[in-house]
Amino acid sequence: MNHKGRILIGIMIGLLGSQIAYSQSTAGALFLLIAPGARAGGMGEAQIAVADDAYASYWNPAGMAFQTGYELSGMHVKWLPGLADDMTYDFLAYRQNVKNIGSIGGHIIYLDAGTQTRTDSEGNVEGTFSTYFTAGALSYSALLTNTSSIGLNAKILYQHLADRATGSEQGNPWSTDFGFDVAYLKRGAGNGLYDFAAVLTNIGPKVSFIDEDQADPMPTTLKLGINLHVVNQEHNKLNIVYDVSKLAVASYPAMDWDGDGWVGGYNEDGVGNFINDEPAATKGYDYNQSGDLEAAHTDPWYIALVTSWLDDWYLGGDWDENSDRRIGGWDINGNNTFQEDQVIDGDTVTVIIRKYGDAGYGAYNKAGKLEVGNQADRTFKRELESLVHNIGAEYWYNDLFAIRGGLYYDKTGSIVSPTFGFGLRFGNFGFDFGYTSAKAETDPLNNTMRYSLSYKF
């Protein structure tokens, strides 16, 4: 794979959808976060408390329990046309009710990321290869009461970055993984005024390709939603929908957890590996003397459900902004302060070594970024700013025609995306259209149009 190909794939993965623009959090299998369905696309992607069609298999499988009959729905769309001209996204969902058992269904996702050119280390073209991502899910839902339900998804996913590794890379540039979703839905709460939903998606082990040590967590996401029934008449219905979500991934950059001024230097057993009083950059010596991992890392999903609310402000120490393992050591102008040459009598040169915490030891790295004490700059506000907000409105006339509008808001990702759309129902057939409008320089989904078809039988 050539350098350009790597960059393109990085851009495609990094910008698959605006939901993934979180600050310090990193995750793999991000194609799972692409929002399917033109209906959702026209409502700011606020959908988990709606979940009243086959797309519930993706958004909230608990919603299938309240549906009867059978339904098949699908979507095909040209994806991120502003970044590439050969990317497409396909989604197919099915659901049905099974008497005395519950509701079953599932969905299939296929993202074709196009064809890349492979070159060798000297830039000579060696051919082409395809990049694609796919996933399949089986869904089950059952009523807890007449107004509440639970739902489960079991999914398997396959990611194919290239057909072979290149250069000195070991392992395969493809990955097969699995995950789960759990969901809850309450209909008619508040004397029928609103519906409430909670969904935890993409629970599973880490995703790895070439290097298992660089494995990324699944994009586990916690979502809460409410569907407010503003107007609920025979011929006129108006719903206001709000979802809020957070990527439940706890990600830590390189930090000085124990306050000794260094990142790492010890192995898990507390055995040190220092050269000239500085930690040697040796694999396995990324811990402090207490056994805490100080190199960049992420928590397992079952821990991250809690620590993802703490990793950006409470957990860890000062950040190593330039990955040199030293916290500070320079002044704001980039002048070295941890060692100083002094000339005595014009002949003898004495080198003064300042250690972390000594008077005169600089608080900045060589680039002039604050490192000593930068932990104090992190507050819980950072966690709140990482929340993604989805707001939508849907008006139905006679259950035949719908007008929709919405807003997708992600402060951390600097994304504010207005959306609108409409829907038509003809007998058992349904057609939906959704459009996303935003600033092209901040939102890769700008001018994205979604079309969906559905059939009930």
Protein backbone atom coordinates (compact mmCIF):
# COMPACT_ATOMS: atom_id res chain seq x y z
CA MET A 1 0.00 0.00 0.00
CA ASN A 2 1.47 3.36 -0.94
CA HIS A 3 1.70 6.39 1.31
CA LYS A 4 -1.16 8.12 -0.47
CA GLY A 5 -3.31 5.04 -0.03
CA ARG A 6 -2.64 4.98 3.70
CA ILE A 7 -3.59 8.62 4.00
CA LEU A 8 -6.80 8.08 2.04
CA ILE A 9 -7.81 5.11 4.16
CA GLY A 10 -7.00 7.09 7.31
CA ILE A 11 -9.21 9.93 6.12
CA MET A 12 -12.04 7.59 5.21
CA ILE A 13 -11.92 5.79 8.54
CA GLY A 14 -11.49 9.02 10.48
CA LEU A 15 -14.37 10.74 8.73
CA LEU A 16 -16.86 7.93 8.18
CA GLY A 17 -19.44 9.89 10.10
CA SER A 18 -19.59 12.93 12.30
CA GLN A 19 -20.39 10.83 15.38
CA ILE A 20 -16.76 9.83 15.76
CA ALA A 21 -15.17 13.26 16.19
CA TYR A 22 -14.41 12.92 19.88
CA SER A 23 -11.39 14.50 21.58
CA GLN A 24 -9.00 12.03 23.21
CA SER A 25 -11.02 8.92 22.48
CA THR A 26 -9.92 6.49 19.79
CA ALA A 27 -11.71 3.41 18.51
CA GLY A 28 -11.70 0.88 15.71
CA ALA A 29 -14.50 -0.39 13.45
CA LEU A 30 -15.83 3.16 13.12
CA PHE A 31 -17.94 2.23 10.10
CA LEU A 32 -20.42 0.79 12.61
CA LEU A 33 -21.27 4.38 13.60
CA ILE A 34 -22.52 5.41 10.16
CA ALA A 35 -26.19 6.29 10.61
CA PRO A 36 -28.40 4.25 8.24
CA GLY A 37 -31.79 5.31 6.97
CA ALA A 38 -32.96 8.48 5.25
CA ARG A 39 -35.56 8.97 7.96
CA ALA A 40 -32.87 9.26 10.62
CA GLY A 41 -30.75 11.32 8.25
CA GLY A 42 -33.50 13.92 8.03
CA MET A 43 -34.01 14.07 11.80
CA GLY A 44 -30.47 14.91 12.92
CA GLU A 45 -29.87 11.18 13.49
CA ALA A 46 -32.15 11.25 16.56
CA GLN A 47 -33.84 7.86 16.44
CA ILE A 48 -33.36 5.48 19.38
CA ALA A 49 -36.63 6.47 21.11
CA VAL A 50 -38.52 6.26 17.78
CA ALA A 51 -37.45 2.79 16.58
CA ASP A 52 -40.80 1.84 15.03
CA ASP A 53 -39.63 0.30 11.75
CA ALA A 54 -37.10 -2.26 10.50
CA TYR A 55 -34.25 0.18 11.16
CA ALA A 56 -34.87 -0.51 14.84
CA SER A 57 -32.53 -3.46 14.35
CA TYR A 58 -29.72 -0.90 14.14
CA TRP A 59 -30.94 1.99 16.28
CA ASN A 60 -32.71 0.20 19.11
CA PRO A 61 -33.63 -3.49 18.76
CA ALA A 62 -36.01 -3.15 21.71
CA GLY A 63 -38.33 -1.23 19.38
CA MET A 64 -39.08 -4.36 17.34
CA ALA A 65 -41.16 -5.83 20.18
CA PHE A 66 -43.94 -3.29 19.60
CA GLN A 67 -44.19 -3.96 15.86
CA THR A 68 -46.33 -6.54 14.09
CA GLY A 69 -46.06 -8.27 10.75
CA TYR A 70 -42.96 -8.25 8.58
CA GLU A 71 -40.82 -5.48 7.13
CA LEU A 72 -37.82 -5.22 4.83
CA SER A 73 -35.93 -1.93 4.45
CA GLY A 74 -32.80 -0.84 2.65
CA MET A 75 -30.60 2.09 1.70
CA HIS A 76 -27.91 2.69 -0.93
CA VAL A 77 -25.98 5.93 -0.94
CA LYS A 78 -22.84 7.43 -2.41
CA TRP A 79 -20.79 8.11 0.71
CA LEU A 80 -18.69 11.21 1.39
CA PRO A 81 -18.69 12.40 -2.23
CA GLY A 82 -16.53 15.37 -1.24
CA LEU A 83 -13.66 13.08 -0.25
CA ALA A 84 -13.80 10.29 -2.82
CA ASP A 85 -15.83 9.41 -5.89
CA ASP A 86 -15.95 5.62 -5.44
CA MET A 87 -17.26 5.13 -1.90
CA THR A 88 -20.72 3.63 -1.36
CA TYR A 89 -22.70 2.53 1.68
CA ASP A 90 -25.39 -0.15 1.67
CA PHE A 91 -27.73 -1.16 4.47
CA LEU A 92 -30.43 -3.85 4.55
CA ALA A 93 -32.68 -4.59 7.54
CA TYR A 94 -35.44 -7.09 8.27
CA ARG A 95 -37.75 -7.71 11.21
CA GLN A 96 -40.76 -9.85 12.04
CA ASN A 97 -42.91 -10.77 15.00
CA VAL A 98 -42.98 -14.39 16.18
CA LYS A 99 -46.01 -15.29 18.28
CA ASN A 100 -45.24 -16.22 21.89
CA ILE A 101 -41.52 -15.71 21.32
CA GLY A 102 -40.95 -12.05 20.56
CA SER A 103 -39.56 -10.27 17.55
CA ILE A 104 -36.53 -11.22 15.51
CA GLY A 105 -34.64 -9.43 12.80
CA GLY A 106 -31.25 -8.27 11.72
CA HIS A 107 -29.29 -6.07 9.39
CA ILE A 108 -26.35 -6.12 7.00
CA ILE A 109 -23.90 -3.24 6.46
CA TYR A 110 -21.47 -2.94 3.57
CA LEU A 111 -19.16 0.03 3.06
CA ASP A 112 -17.15 -0.02 -0.16
CA ALA A 113 -14.21 2.35 0.36
CA GLY A 114 -13.03 2.09 -3.23
CA THR A 115 -9.88 1.00 -5.01
CA GLN A 116 -6.38 2.02 -3.90
CA THR A 117 -3.09 1.99 -5.79
CA ARG A 118 -0.22 -0.02 -4.33
CA THR A 119 3.36 1.14 -4.83
CA ASP A 120 6.67 -0.15 -3.54
CA SER A 121 9.14 1.79 -1.40
CA GLU A 122 10.51 3.51 -4.52
CA GLY A 123 7.12 4.65 -5.77
CA ASN A 124 6.72 2.04 -8.50
CA VAL A 125 3.11 0.97 -9.12
CA GLU A 126 2.51 -2.66 -8.19
CA GLY A 127 -1.22 -2.84 -8.82
CA THR A 128 -4.45 -2.04 -7.01
CA PHE A 129 -6.45 -3.40 -4.11
CA SER A 130 -9.92 -2.90 -2.65
CA THR A 131 -10.85 -1.59 0.79
CA TYR A 132 -14.20 -2.50 2.29
CA PHE A 133 -15.98 -3.03 5.61
CA THR A 134 -18.97 -5.23 6.33
CA ALA A 135 -21.04 -6.34 9.31
CA GLY A 136 -24.05 -8.52 9.99
CA ALA A 137 -26.29 -8.53 13.05
CA LEU A 138 -29.02 -10.79 14.43
CA SER A 139 -31.62 -9.03 16.58
CA TYR A 140 -34.07 -10.20 19.24
CA SER A 141 -36.63 -8.20 21.20
CA ALA A 142 -39.25 -9.06 23.81
CA LEU A 143 -41.83 -7.19 25.85
CA LEU A 144 -41.21 -6.79 29.57
CA THR A 145 -44.64 -5.23 30.08
CA ASN A 146 -47.26 -3.83 27.72
CA THR A 147 -45.26 -0.59 27.55
CA SER A 148 -41.61 -1.64 27.95
CA SER A 149 -39.21 -3.92 26.12
CA ILE A 150 -35.60 -5.04 25.83
CA GLY A 151 -33.55 -5.85 22.77
CA LEU A 152 -30.27 -7.56 21.92
CA ASN A 153 -27.99 -7.59 18.89
CA ALA A 154 -25.22 -10.07 18.17
CA LYS A 155 -22.97 -8.94 15.35
CA ILE A 156 -19.93 -10.05 13.43
CA LEU A 157 -17.82 -7.67 11.38
CA TYR A 158 -15.05 -7.91 8.83
CA GLN A 159 -12.69 -5.08 7.87
CA HIS A 160 -10.49 -5.39 4.79
CA LEU A 161 -7.95 -2.59 4.49
CA ALA A 162 -5.76 -4.31 1.89
CA ASP A 163 -5.10 -7.77 0.46
CA ARG A 164 -1.62 -8.14 1.98
CA ALA A 165 0.82 -6.45 4.31
CA THR A 166 3.63 -4.34 2.89
CA GLY A 167 7.28 -3.83 3.71
CA SER A 168 8.29 -5.05 7.15
CA GLU A 169 4.73 -5.23 8.46
CA GLN A 170 3.75 -8.45 10.21
CA GLY A 171 0.22 -9.82 10.34
CA ASN A 172 -2.75 -9.21 8.08
CA PRO A 173 -4.39 -5.91 7.08
CA TRP A 174 -7.85 -7.39 7.68
CA SER A 175 -9.74 -8.29 10.81
CA THR A 176 -12.77 -10.35 11.85
CA ASP A 177 -14.40 -9.35 15.13
CA PHE A 178 -17.68 -9.56 17.03
CA GLY A 179 -19.78 -7.36 19.27
CA PHE A 180 -23.13 -6.95 21.03
CA ASP A 181 -25.79 -4.30 21.62
CA VAL A 182 -28.22 -4.13 24.55
CA ALA A 183 -31.25 -1.85 24.51
CA TYR A 184 -34.31 -0.74 26.44
CA LEU A 185 -37.45 1.12 25.36
CA LYS A 186 -40.34 2.53 27.37
CA ARG A 187 -43.45 3.54 25.41
CA GLY A 188 -46.08 5.97 26.65
CA ALA A 189 -44.30 7.25 29.73
CA GLY A 190 -45.75 10.30 31.49
CA ASN A 191 -49.35 9.30 30.69
CA GLY A 192 -48.46 8.82 27.05
CA LEU A 193 -46.54 12.07 26.69
CA TYR A 194 -43.17 10.60 25.72
CA ASP A 195 -41.11 7.49 25.00
CA PHE A 196 -37.72 6.86 26.62
CA ALA A 197 -34.82 4.72 25.36
CA ALA A 198 -31.34 3.63 26.47
CA VAL A 199 -28.92 1.75 24.22
CA LEU A 200 -25.38 0.49 24.66
CA THR A 201 -23.90 -0.45 21.30
CA ASN A 202 -20.77 -2.20 20.02
CA ILE A 203 -19.73 -4.01 23.17
CA GLY A 204 -16.82 -6.30 22.47
CA PRO A 205 -13.08 -7.01 22.49
CA LYS A 206 -10.49 -4.78 20.88
CA VAL A 207 -9.96 -4.68 17.12
CA SER A 208 -6.47 -5.31 15.75
CA PHE A 209 -4.86 -5.56 12.34
CA ILE A 210 -1.10 -5.59 11.78
CA ASP A 211 0.03 -5.13 15.39
CA GLU A 212 -1.96 -6.52 18.32
CA ASP A 213 -0.17 -4.10 20.65
CA GLN A 214 -1.82 -1.28 18.70
CA ALA A 215 -5.32 -2.76 18.92
CA ASP A 216 -8.16 -0.24 19.17
CA PRO A 217 -11.29 -0.72 21.27
CA MET A 218 -14.66 -1.26 19.69
CA PRO A 219 -16.65 1.99 19.34
CA THR A 220 -18.81 1.22 22.38
CA THR A 221 -21.38 4.00 22.62
CA LEU A 222 -23.92 4.85 25.30
CA LYS A 223 -27.08 6.57 24.03
CA LEU A 224 -30.10 8.00 25.81
CA GLY A 225 -33.15 9.26 23.95
CA ILE A 226 -36.61 10.74 24.38
CA ASN A 227 -39.49 11.03 21.89
CA LEU A 228 -41.98 13.72 22.91
CA HIS A 229 -45.48 13.40 21.43
CA VAL A 230 -46.40 17.07 20.98
CA VAL A 231 -49.42 16.39 18.77
CA ASN A 232 -51.07 12.98 18.62
CA GLN A 233 -54.34 13.32 16.71
CA GLU A 234 -55.97 10.98 14.24
CA HIS A 235 -54.73 12.81 11.15
CA ASN A 236 -51.91 14.93 12.54
CA LYS A 237 -48.91 13.81 14.55
CA LEU A 238 -45.87 15.83 15.61
CA ASN A 239 -42.96 14.37 17.55
CA ILE A 240 -39.87 16.11 18.92
CA VAL A 241 -36.96 13.72 19.41
CA TYR A 242 -33.71 14.16 21.33
CA ASP A 243 -30.75 11.77 21.64
CA VAL A 244 -27.52 12.30 23.54
CA SER A 245 -24.58 9.93 23.17
CA LYS A 246 -21.06 9.40 24.39
CA LEU A 247 -18.33 7.16 23.07
CA ALA A 248 -17.68 4.88 26.05
CA VAL A 249 -13.98 4.52 25.28
CA ALA A 250 -11.41 5.52 27.91
CA SER A 251 -8.26 6.64 26.12
CA TYR A 252 -5.12 7.97 27.77
CA PRO A 253 -2.21 9.69 26.05
CA ALA A 254 1.30 9.25 27.45
CA MET A 255 1.15 10.61 31.03
CA ASP A 256 3.22 10.89 34.16
CA TRP A 257 0.87 9.11 36.56
CA ASP A 258 3.13 9.09 39.63
CA GLY A 259 4.58 12.60 39.39
CA ASP A 260 8.25 11.66 38.95
CA GLY A 261 8.60 13.72 35.76
CA TRP A 262 8.99 10.74 33.43
CA VAL A 263 6.71 8.55 31.34
CA GLY A 264 7.52 4.92 32.01
CA GLY A 265 10.97 3.53 32.70
CA TYR A 266 9.84 0.38 34.51
CA ASN A 267 8.18 -2.89 33.59
CA GLU A 268 5.08 -4.32 35.25
CA ASP A 269 7.22 -5.83 38.02
CA GLY A 270 8.77 -2.48 38.93
CA VAL A 271 12.15 -3.26 37.33
CA GLY A 272 13.69 -0.11 35.88
CA ASN A 273 15.48 0.47 32.59
CA PHE A 274 17.19 3.86 32.65
CA ILE A 275 20.15 5.25 30.72
CA ASN A 276 21.83 8.34 32.16
CA ASP A 277 18.85 8.75 34.50
CA GLU A 278 16.40 8.82 31.56
CA PRO A 279 13.90 6.04 30.71
CA ALA A 280 15.07 3.93 27.81
CA ALA A 281 12.49 3.70 25.03
CA THR A 282 12.28 -0.08 25.30
CA LYS A 283 9.13 -2.10 24.72
CA GLY A 284 7.67 -3.30 27.99
CA TYR A 285 9.18 -0.53 30.11
CA ASP A 286 6.16 1.73 29.85
CA TYR A 287 5.13 1.53 33.51
CA ASN A 288 6.00 3.51 36.60
CA GLN A 289 7.54 1.90 39.65
CA SER A 290 4.08 1.25 41.12
CA GLY A 291 3.03 -0.79 38.09
CA ASP A 292 0.75 1.80 36.49
CA LEU A 293 0.86 1.94 32.70
CA GLU A 294 2.00 5.42 31.67
CA ALA A 295 2.34 4.91 27.90
CA ALA A 296 -0.69 5.72 25.73
CA HIS A 297 -3.39 3.08 26.23
CA THR A 298 -7.10 2.40 26.47
CA ASP A 299 -9.23 0.57 29.04
CA PRO A 300 -11.27 -2.59 28.29
CA TRP A 301 -14.92 -1.82 27.52
CA TYR A 302 -16.25 -3.13 30.84
CA ILE A 303 -13.97 -0.69 32.69
CA ALA A 304 -14.38 2.11 30.16
CA LEU A 305 -18.11 2.29 30.85
CA VAL A 306 -17.08 4.14 34.02
CA THR A 307 -13.62 5.51 33.22
CA SER A 308 -14.70 7.07 29.91
CA TRP A 309 -16.34 9.75 32.09
CA LEU A 310 -13.06 10.31 33.94
CA ASP A 311 -10.20 9.86 31.48
CA ASP A 312 -10.19 13.40 30.08
CA TRP A 313 -10.00 15.16 33.43
CA TYR A 314 -9.62 13.06 36.58
CA LEU A 315 -7.46 10.03 35.81
CA GLY A 316 -3.75 10.29 35.10
CA GLY A 317 -1.20 13.04 35.56
CA ASP A 318 0.60 15.55 33.39
CA TRP A 319 0.54 14.83 29.66
CA ASP A 320 3.68 14.26 27.62
CA GLU A 321 2.70 16.46 24.68
CA ASN A 322 5.67 15.61 22.42
CA SER A 323 6.26 11.93 23.32
CA ASP A 324 9.85 12.42 24.53
CA ARG A 325 9.04 10.73 27.89
CA ARG A 326 10.19 13.83 29.76
CA ILE A 327 7.64 16.10 31.44
CA GLY A 328 8.85 19.66 30.83
CA GLY A 329 12.54 20.56 30.86
CA TRP A 330 12.38 23.65 28.65
CA ASP A 331 11.19 27.20 29.08
CA ILE A 332 8.38 28.70 27.02
CA ASN A 333 10.90 29.83 24.38
CA GLY A 334 12.23 26.33 23.86
CA ASN A 335 15.46 26.81 25.84
CA ASN A 336 16.86 23.78 27.66
CA THR A 337 16.59 24.15 31.44
CA PHE A 338 17.37 20.64 32.71
CA GLN A 339 21.08 21.00 32.01
CA GLU A 340 23.35 24.01 31.87
CA ASP A 341 27.03 24.41 31.03
CA GLN A 342 29.02 26.68 33.33
CA VAL A 343 32.53 27.83 32.48
CA ILE A 344 34.84 28.19 35.49
CA ASP A 345 38.18 30.08 35.15
CA GLY A 346 37.86 29.76 31.40
CA ASP A 347 39.14 26.19 31.46
CA THR A 348 36.91 23.86 33.48
CA VAL A 349 33.38 23.21 32.18
CA THR A 350 30.81 22.10 34.71
CA VAL A 351 27.42 20.75 33.63
CA ILE A 352 24.59 21.44 36.06
CA ILE A 353 21.79 18.85 35.83
CA ARG A 354 18.39 19.93 37.08
CA LYS A 355 15.87 17.27 37.90
CA TYR A 356 12.08 17.45 37.76
CA GLY A 357 10.93 19.61 40.66
CA ASP A 358 14.22 21.50 41.05
CA ALA A 359 14.23 25.27 40.98
CA GLY A 360 14.71 26.50 37.44
CA TYR A 361 13.44 23.31 35.82
CA GLY A 362 11.21 24.36 32.88
CA ALA A 363 7.53 23.58 32.75
CA TYR A 364 7.36 23.36 28.93
CA ASN A 365 8.47 20.97 26.23
CA LYS A 366 10.85 21.94 23.47
CA ALA A 367 7.98 23.26 21.34
CA GLY A 368 6.86 25.62 24.10
CA LYS A 369 3.77 23.64 25.18
CA LEU A 370 3.02 23.44 28.90
CA GLU A 371 3.62 19.98 30.38
CA VAL A 372 4.44 20.46 34.08
CA GLY A 373 1.08 21.04 35.71
CA ASN A 374 -1.06 20.67 32.61
CA GLN A 375 -3.19 18.14 34.51
CA ALA A 376 -4.81 21.12 36.23
CA ASP A 377 -6.17 22.31 32.87
CA ARG A 378 -8.43 19.26 32.59
CA THR A 379 -11.92 19.59 34.04
CA PHE A 380 -15.19 17.65 33.89
CA LYS A 381 -16.35 20.20 31.34
CA ARG A 382 -14.20 18.34 28.79
CA GLU A 383 -16.33 15.24 29.31
CA LEU A 384 -19.57 17.14 28.84
CA GLU A 385 -18.22 18.75 25.68
CA SER A 386 -17.57 15.30 24.22
CA LEU A 387 -21.29 14.49 24.25
CA VAL A 388 -22.98 14.39 20.85
CA HIS A 389 -26.50 15.85 20.64
CA ASN A 390 -29.13 14.86 18.07
CA ILE A 391 -32.36 16.82 17.80
CA GLY A 392 -35.15 15.96 15.38
CA ALA A 393 -38.76 16.77 14.56
CA GLU A 394 -41.21 14.75 12.49
CA TYR A 395 -44.71 15.73 11.36
CA TRP A 396 -47.03 13.13 9.86
CA TYR A 397 -50.23 13.86 8.00
CA ASN A 398 -52.67 10.97 7.91
CA ASP A 399 -49.75 8.51 8.24
CA LEU A 400 -49.12 9.09 4.53
CA PHE A 401 -46.74 12.04 4.31
CA ALA A 402 -44.02 13.22 6.68
CA ILE A 403 -41.86 16.33 6.90
CA ARG A 404 -38.70 16.18 9.00
CA GLY A 405 -35.99 18.45 10.28
CA GLY A 406 -33.13 18.16 12.72
CA LEU A 407 -29.75 19.21 14.00
CA TYR A 408 -26.59 17.25 14.68
CA TYR A 409 -24.33 18.99 17.23
CA ASP A 410 -20.85 17.91 18.28
CA LYS A 411 -18.86 20.64 20.02
CA THR A 412 -15.62 18.69 20.25
CA GLY A 413 -15.69 17.92 16.56
CA SER A 414 -16.81 21.48 15.68
CA ILE A 415 -19.78 20.03 13.82
CA VAL A 416 -23.17 21.71 13.57
CA SER A 417 -25.21 19.97 10.88
CA PRO A 418 -28.79 20.98 10.04
CA THR A 419 -30.81 18.24 8.36
CA PHE A 420 -34.17 17.91 6.70
CA GLY A 421 -36.17 15.30 4.82
CA PHE A 422 -39.55 13.84 3.98
CA GLY A 423 -41.30 10.49 3.84
CA LEU A 424 -44.08 8.93 1.78
CA ARG A 425 -46.19 5.82 2.44
CA PHE A 426 -48.15 4.08 -0.33
CA GLY A 427 -49.92 1.04 1.01
CA ASN A 428 -47.17 -1.32 2.12
CA PHE A 429 -44.41 0.67 0.45
CA GLY A 430 -42.40 3.47 2.03
CA PHE A 431 -39.92 6.01 0.63
CA ASP A 432 -37.76 8.39 2.66
CA PHE A 433 -35.31 11.13 1.77
CA GLY A 434 -32.80 12.83 4.09
CA TYR A 435 -30.32 15.63 3.47
CA THR A 436 -27.43 16.92 5.59
CA SER A 437 -26.23 20.50 5.20
CA ALA A 438 -23.16 21.84 6.99
CA LYS A 439 -19.89 23.67 6.56
CA ALA A 440 -17.87 21.55 4.14
CA GLU A 441 -14.59 22.32 5.91
CA THR A 442 -15.77 20.84 9.22
CA ASP A 443 -18.31 18.15 8.33
CA PRO A 444 -17.54 15.42 5.77
CA LEU A 445 -21.28 14.68 5.54
CA ASN A 446 -22.02 18.08 3.99
CA ASN A 447 -24.46 17.74 1.06
CA THR A 448 -24.99 14.04 1.80
CA MET A 449 -28.32 12.73 0.48
CA ARG A 450 -29.87 9.51 1.73
CA TYR A 451 -32.65 7.51 0.06
CA SER A 452 -34.46 4.60 1.71
CA LEU A 453 -37.10 2.11 0.64
CA SER A 454 -39.23 -0.15 2.83
CA TYR A 455 -41.88 -2.79 2.33
CA LYS A 456 -44.28 -4.21 4.93
CA PHE A 457 -46.01 -7.53 4.36
